[in-house]
Amino acid sequence: QFQLAESGGGLVQPGGSLRLSCAVSGATLEHYAIAWFRQAPGKEREGVSCWRDFDGSTMYLDSVRGRFTISTDKIKNTVYLQMNNLEPEDTGVYYCAAEFQVPYGGYEDCYGTDFWGKGTLVTVSS
């Protein structure tokens, strides 16, 4: 059974850093696109960053580009989101999501959402 489990959230001061982990079970990362979404209180869920296996491409939300980095460890079957220079606006529940993607599948981007994790809370506050 394909499952995603996020961890690494917490309370951090503005300017601080956190590393979120998305552990995948029930399959390897091969042929999957893994995305990070977040939802702030009272706001819609938005895509933050994503990666896909078949071409190694990554994408970032404009407001996090240069501060966040998505990476993978295929031995640990885990996708990370390194978040630096955090701002109060980064506060929210962070979710990872996954979609099976193969070459020539016509996907618009790597923000596939066939599977979801339960989320981890990130709070940026002084």
Foldseek 3Di string as FASTA:
>chain_A
DWAWAKDWADEAAQQAKIKMKIAIPPDFLPQKKKWKWWDDPPGDIDTAKIAHDAVGDMDGDPVQPPFWDWDDDRVRSMIMIIGGRDDQVPWGWMKMAMDRHDPPPPDPDRRDHPHIHPTDTHGHHD
